N, C-alpha and C. Protein backbone atom coordinates (compact mmCIF):
# COMPACT_ATOMS: atom_id res chain seq x y z
N UNK A 1 1.08 -1.25 0.03
CA UNK A 1 0.21 -0.10 0.43
C UNK A 1 1.01 0.96 0.09
N UNK A 2 1.27 1.54 -1.48
CA UNK A 2 2.16 2.72 -1.33
C UNK A 2 1.66 4.02 -0.55
N UNK A 3 0.52 4.98 -1.36
CA UNK A 3 0.18 5.96 -1.59
C UNK A 3 -1.08 5.83 -1.31
N UNK A 4 -1.65 7.13 -0.82
CA UNK A 4 -3.69 6.94 -0.89
C UNK A 4 -3.77 8.17 -0.75
N UNK A 5 -4.36 8.89 -1.64
CA UNK A 5 -5.07 10.01 -1.68
C UNK A 5 -6.17 10.16 -0.77
N UNK A 6 -6.76 11.13 -0.19
CA UNK A 6 -7.92 11.58 0.95
C UNK A 6 -8.31 12.45 0.16
N UNK A 7 -9.48 12.70 0.55
CA UNK A 7 -10.29 14.09 0.95
C UNK A 7 -10.23 15.03 1.72
N UNK A 8 -9.64 16.10 1.65
CA UNK A 8 -9.94 16.56 2.90
C UNK A 8 -10.82 17.80 3.01
N UNK A 9 -11.25 18.09 4.15
CA UNK A 9 -12.45 19.58 3.77
C UNK A 9 -11.99 20.17 4.81
N UNK A 10 -11.71 21.79 4.93
CA UNK A 10 -11.57 22.63 6.15
C UNK A 10 -12.63 22.62 6.95
N UNK A 11 -12.68 22.95 8.06
CA UNK A 11 -13.98 22.79 9.01
C UNK A 11 -15.06 24.33 8.22
N UNK A 12 -14.67 25.26 7.61
CA UNK A 12 -15.39 26.32 7.49
C UNK A 12 -16.33 25.33 6.03
N UNK A 13 -15.37 24.63 5.38
CA UNK A 13 -16.50 23.75 4.25
C UNK A 13 -17.20 22.87 4.81
N UNK A 14 -17.19 22.17 6.11
CA UNK A 14 -17.81 21.24 6.75
C UNK A 14 -19.65 21.21 5.99
N UNK A 15 -20.02 21.96 6.71
CA UNK A 15 -21.68 21.81 6.09
C UNK A 15 -22.07 21.77 5.08
N UNK A 16 -21.24 22.77 4.02
CA UNK A 16 -21.41 22.39 2.47
C UNK A 16 -21.17 21.07 2.36
N UNK A 17 -20.22 20.85 2.72
CA UNK A 17 -19.42 19.18 2.37
C UNK A 17 -20.48 18.11 2.66
N UNK A 18 -21.17 18.49 3.75
CA UNK A 18 -21.88 17.53 4.28
C UNK A 18 -23.48 17.56 3.30
N UNK A 19 -23.59 18.62 2.99
CA UNK A 19 -24.84 18.68 1.89
C UNK A 19 -24.53 18.34 0.82
N UNK A 20 -23.77 18.02 -0.08
CA UNK A 20 -23.44 17.98 -1.53
C UNK A 20 -23.62 16.15 -1.47
N UNK A 21 -22.69 15.59 -0.13
CA UNK A 21 -22.24 14.33 -0.23
C UNK A 21 -23.92 13.55 0.04
N UNK A 22 -24.28 12.65 -0.91
CA UNK A 22 -25.46 12.00 -0.82
C UNK A 22 -25.25 10.91 0.56
N UNK A 23 -24.07 10.46 0.46
CA UNK A 23 -23.49 9.19 1.70
C UNK A 23 -23.57 9.73 2.87
N UNK A 24 -23.44 10.80 3.41
CA UNK A 24 -22.96 11.39 4.53
C UNK A 24 -23.83 12.42 4.95
N UNK A 25 -23.89 11.80 6.44
CA UNK A 25 -25.08 12.29 6.89
C UNK A 25 -24.78 13.38 7.46
N UNK A 26 -26.13 14.97 7.26
CA UNK A 26 -26.27 15.99 7.68
C UNK A 26 -25.77 16.18 8.80
N UNK A 27 -25.56 15.51 9.98
CA UNK A 27 -25.29 15.15 11.46
C UNK A 27 -24.31 14.95 11.98
N UNK A 28 -22.73 14.71 10.90
CA UNK A 28 -21.73 14.01 11.15
C UNK A 28 -20.64 15.02 11.34
N UNK A 29 -20.35 14.90 12.66
CA UNK A 29 -18.75 15.82 13.45
C UNK A 29 -17.93 16.08 12.68
N UNK A 30 -17.32 17.15 12.24
CA UNK A 30 -16.04 17.27 11.88
C UNK A 30 -15.11 16.67 12.51
N UNK A 31 -15.25 16.78 14.20
CA UNK A 31 -14.00 16.63 15.03
C UNK A 31 -14.18 15.14 14.79
N UNK A 32 -14.78 14.50 14.72
CA UNK A 32 -15.24 13.26 14.49
C UNK A 32 -14.37 12.44 13.38
N UNK A 33 -14.95 12.97 12.48
CA UNK A 33 -14.50 12.71 11.09
C UNK A 33 -12.92 12.98 10.71
N UNK A 34 -12.38 14.09 11.48
CA UNK A 34 -11.13 14.58 11.33
C UNK A 34 -9.84 13.22 12.16
N UNK A 35 -10.80 13.26 13.81
CA UNK A 35 -10.50 11.89 14.54
C UNK A 35 -10.51 10.41 13.62
N UNK A 36 -11.15 10.21 12.82
CA UNK A 36 -11.16 8.81 12.04
C UNK A 36 -9.99 8.77 10.80
N UNK A 37 -9.86 10.09 10.04
CA UNK A 37 -8.67 10.78 9.15
C UNK A 37 -8.04 9.90 9.97
N UNK A 38 -7.27 10.68 10.91
CA UNK A 38 -5.90 10.68 11.53
C UNK A 38 -6.22 8.67 11.60
N UNK A 39 -7.32 8.09 12.44
CA UNK A 39 -7.06 6.54 12.80
C UNK A 39 -6.98 5.75 11.16
N UNK A 40 -7.73 6.15 10.04
CA UNK A 40 -6.95 5.61 8.70
C UNK A 40 -5.67 6.08 8.46
N UNK A 41 -4.82 7.01 8.85
CA UNK A 41 -3.48 7.71 8.39
C UNK A 41 -2.63 6.52 9.16
N UNK A 42 -2.58 6.10 10.81
CA UNK A 42 -1.79 5.34 10.92
C UNK A 42 -2.40 4.08 10.76
N UNK A 43 -3.56 3.24 10.17
CA UNK A 43 -3.67 2.29 9.51
C UNK A 43 -2.70 2.16 8.08
N UNK A 44 -2.79 2.97 7.54
CA UNK A 44 -1.93 3.00 6.27
C UNK A 44 -0.32 2.84 6.36
N UNK A 45 -0.34 4.01 7.40
CA UNK A 45 1.51 3.98 7.52
C UNK A 45 1.80 2.48 8.54
N UNK A 46 0.84 2.12 9.37
CA UNK A 46 1.31 0.67 9.53
C UNK A 46 1.65 -0.52 8.37
N UNK A 47 0.73 -0.52 7.94
CA UNK A 47 0.90 -1.32 6.38
C UNK A 47 2.04 -0.74 5.48
N UNK A 48 2.63 0.45 5.77
CA UNK A 48 4.12 1.11 5.14
C UNK A 48 3.88 1.68 3.92
N UNK A 49 2.63 2.13 4.00
CA UNK A 49 1.79 3.29 3.12
C UNK A 49 2.12 4.39 3.80
N UNK A 50 1.62 5.53 2.54
CA UNK A 50 1.11 7.06 2.85
C UNK A 50 0.42 7.50 2.83
N UNK A 51 -0.72 8.01 3.48
CA UNK A 51 -2.05 9.22 3.13
C UNK A 51 -1.42 10.53 2.92
N UNK A 52 -2.08 11.19 1.38
CA UNK A 52 -1.70 12.29 1.30
C UNK A 52 -2.91 12.83 1.25
N UNK A 53 -3.21 13.68 2.37
CA UNK A 53 -4.52 14.51 2.14
C UNK A 53 -4.39 15.49 0.81
N UNK A 54 -5.57 15.43 -0.07
CA UNK A 54 -6.09 16.44 -1.01
C UNK A 54 -7.28 17.42 -0.64
N UNK A 55 -6.46 18.63 -0.23
CA UNK A 55 -8.15 19.76 0.42
C UNK A 55 -9.28 20.37 -1.14
N UNK A 56 -9.91 19.73 -0.52
CA UNK A 56 -11.02 19.75 -1.74
C UNK A 56 -11.99 20.90 -1.24
N UNK A 57 -12.63 21.66 -1.81
CA UNK A 57 -13.35 22.62 -1.82
C UNK A 57 -14.46 22.28 -2.37
N UNK A 58 -16.07 22.05 -1.81
CA UNK A 58 -17.43 21.28 -2.19
C UNK A 58 -17.69 21.81 -3.47
N UNK A 59 -17.97 23.37 -4.12
CA UNK A 59 -18.59 23.53 -5.06
C UNK A 59 -17.28 22.72 -6.27
N UNK A 60 -16.49 22.78 -6.27
CA UNK A 60 -15.41 22.23 -6.98
C UNK A 60 -15.06 20.99 -7.02
N UNK A 61 -15.60 19.94 -5.99
CA UNK A 61 -16.15 18.94 -6.21
C UNK A 61 -17.29 18.64 -6.75
N UNK A 62 -18.45 19.60 -6.45
CA UNK A 62 -19.72 19.02 -7.16
C UNK A 62 -19.30 19.70 -8.65
N UNK A 63 -19.07 20.57 -9.09
CA UNK A 63 -18.53 20.66 -10.49
C UNK A 63 -18.05 19.76 -10.91
N UNK A 64 -16.77 18.62 -10.42
CA UNK A 64 -16.59 17.82 -11.25
C UNK A 64 -16.82 16.64 -10.62
N UNK A 65 -18.03 16.11 -10.43
CA UNK A 65 -18.76 15.20 -9.90
C UNK A 65 -19.90 15.45 -11.48
N UNK A 66 -20.03 16.50 -10.95
CA UNK A 66 -21.70 16.99 -12.72
C UNK A 66 -20.72 16.45 -13.70
N UNK A 67 -19.25 16.58 -14.41
CA UNK A 67 -18.78 16.94 -15.25
C UNK A 67 -18.40 16.01 -15.89
N UNK A 68 -18.47 14.61 -14.86
CA UNK A 68 -18.32 13.53 -15.07
C UNK A 68 -19.14 12.54 -14.86
N UNK A 69 -20.38 12.59 -14.42
CA UNK A 69 -21.61 12.21 -14.65
C UNK A 69 -21.49 11.25 -13.38
N UNK A 70 -20.80 11.74 -12.13
CA UNK A 70 -20.77 10.85 -10.92
C UNK A 70 -21.82 11.57 -9.57
N UNK A 71 -22.36 10.73 -9.21
CA UNK A 71 -23.18 10.84 -7.36
C UNK A 71 -21.91 11.52 -7.06
N UNK A 72 -22.15 12.48 -6.28
CA UNK A 72 -20.96 12.75 -4.39
C UNK A 72 -21.22 11.71 -3.54
N UNK A 73 -20.27 10.51 -3.78
CA UNK A 73 -19.85 9.53 -2.80
C UNK A 73 -18.88 9.27 -2.76
N UNK A 74 -18.72 8.30 -1.56
CA UNK A 74 -17.46 7.95 -1.72
C UNK A 74 -16.17 7.51 -2.38
N UNK A 75 -17.30 6.71 -3.45
CA UNK A 75 -16.29 6.10 -5.01
C UNK A 75 -15.98 7.24 -5.59
N UNK A 76 -16.85 8.21 -5.80
CA UNK A 76 -16.24 9.63 -6.45
C UNK A 76 -15.06 10.47 -5.35
N UNK A 77 -15.53 10.07 -4.08
CA UNK A 77 -14.25 11.04 -3.62
C UNK A 77 -12.95 10.41 -3.49
N UNK A 78 -12.84 8.86 -4.05
CA UNK A 78 -11.91 8.72 -3.97
C UNK A 78 -11.25 8.71 -5.09
N UNK A 79 -12.02 8.24 -5.92
CA UNK A 79 -11.60 8.94 -7.53
C UNK A 79 -11.15 10.07 -7.94
N UNK A 80 -11.75 10.94 -7.34
CA UNK A 80 -11.28 12.73 -7.04
C UNK A 80 -10.16 13.03 -6.63
N UNK A 81 -9.62 12.69 -5.22
CA UNK A 81 -8.68 12.50 -4.56
C UNK A 81 -7.77 12.20 -5.63
N UNK A 82 -7.85 10.74 -5.89
CA UNK A 82 -7.10 9.78 -6.43
C UNK A 82 -6.20 10.96 -7.91
N UNK A 83 -7.18 11.61 -8.69
CA UNK A 83 -7.38 12.32 -9.87
C UNK A 83 -6.50 13.58 -9.38
N UNK A 84 -7.17 14.39 -8.50
CA UNK A 84 -6.34 15.72 -7.88
C UNK A 84 -4.55 15.44 -7.99
N UNK A 85 -4.77 14.24 -7.25
CA UNK A 85 -3.06 13.88 -6.38
C UNK A 85 -2.34 13.61 -7.90
N UNK A 86 -3.11 12.81 -8.30
CA UNK A 86 -2.04 12.21 -9.47
C UNK A 86 -1.65 13.94 -10.56
N UNK A 87 -2.81 14.82 -10.21
CA UNK A 87 -2.27 15.83 -11.14
C UNK A 87 -0.76 16.77 -10.14
N UNK A 88 -1.20 16.60 -9.50
CA UNK A 88 -0.50 17.02 -8.50
C UNK A 88 1.34 16.56 -8.65
N UNK A 89 0.83 15.43 -8.73
CA UNK A 89 2.51 14.63 -8.81
C UNK A 89 2.89 15.29 -9.80
N UNK A 90 2.25 15.30 -10.80
CA UNK A 90 2.86 15.83 -12.16
C UNK A 90 3.22 16.81 -12.19
N UNK A 91 2.81 18.11 -11.72
CA UNK A 91 2.94 19.36 -11.43
C UNK A 91 1.96 20.14 -12.54
N UNK A 92 0.67 19.95 -12.52
CA UNK A 92 -0.45 20.27 -13.25
C UNK A 92 -1.51 20.69 -12.28
N UNK A 93 -1.66 20.86 -10.95
CA UNK A 93 -2.64 20.90 -10.01
C UNK A 93 -1.84 21.47 -8.47
N UNK A 94 -2.87 21.72 -7.70
CA UNK A 94 -2.57 21.42 -6.42
C UNK A 94 -3.28 20.87 -5.53
């Protein structure tokens, strides 16, 4: 498990993030999500990998989903993060 990309959302974008993602509860807590992300990072590292956050703005993610005919869900978040990380590694994105 070498490199894993993960969508990272800033606290100020959290309510909008919950609103646009169809598989996330509108009641989800940011601090709990951040704690779960940290646990996931530890699991990835324990397996010899690296977790790299891809900061996501909700409007950009929603536009990407619409342009690619995708629902805003966990599969799309994974695809988006991987795509953006690949662009970043090639020097073509942030």
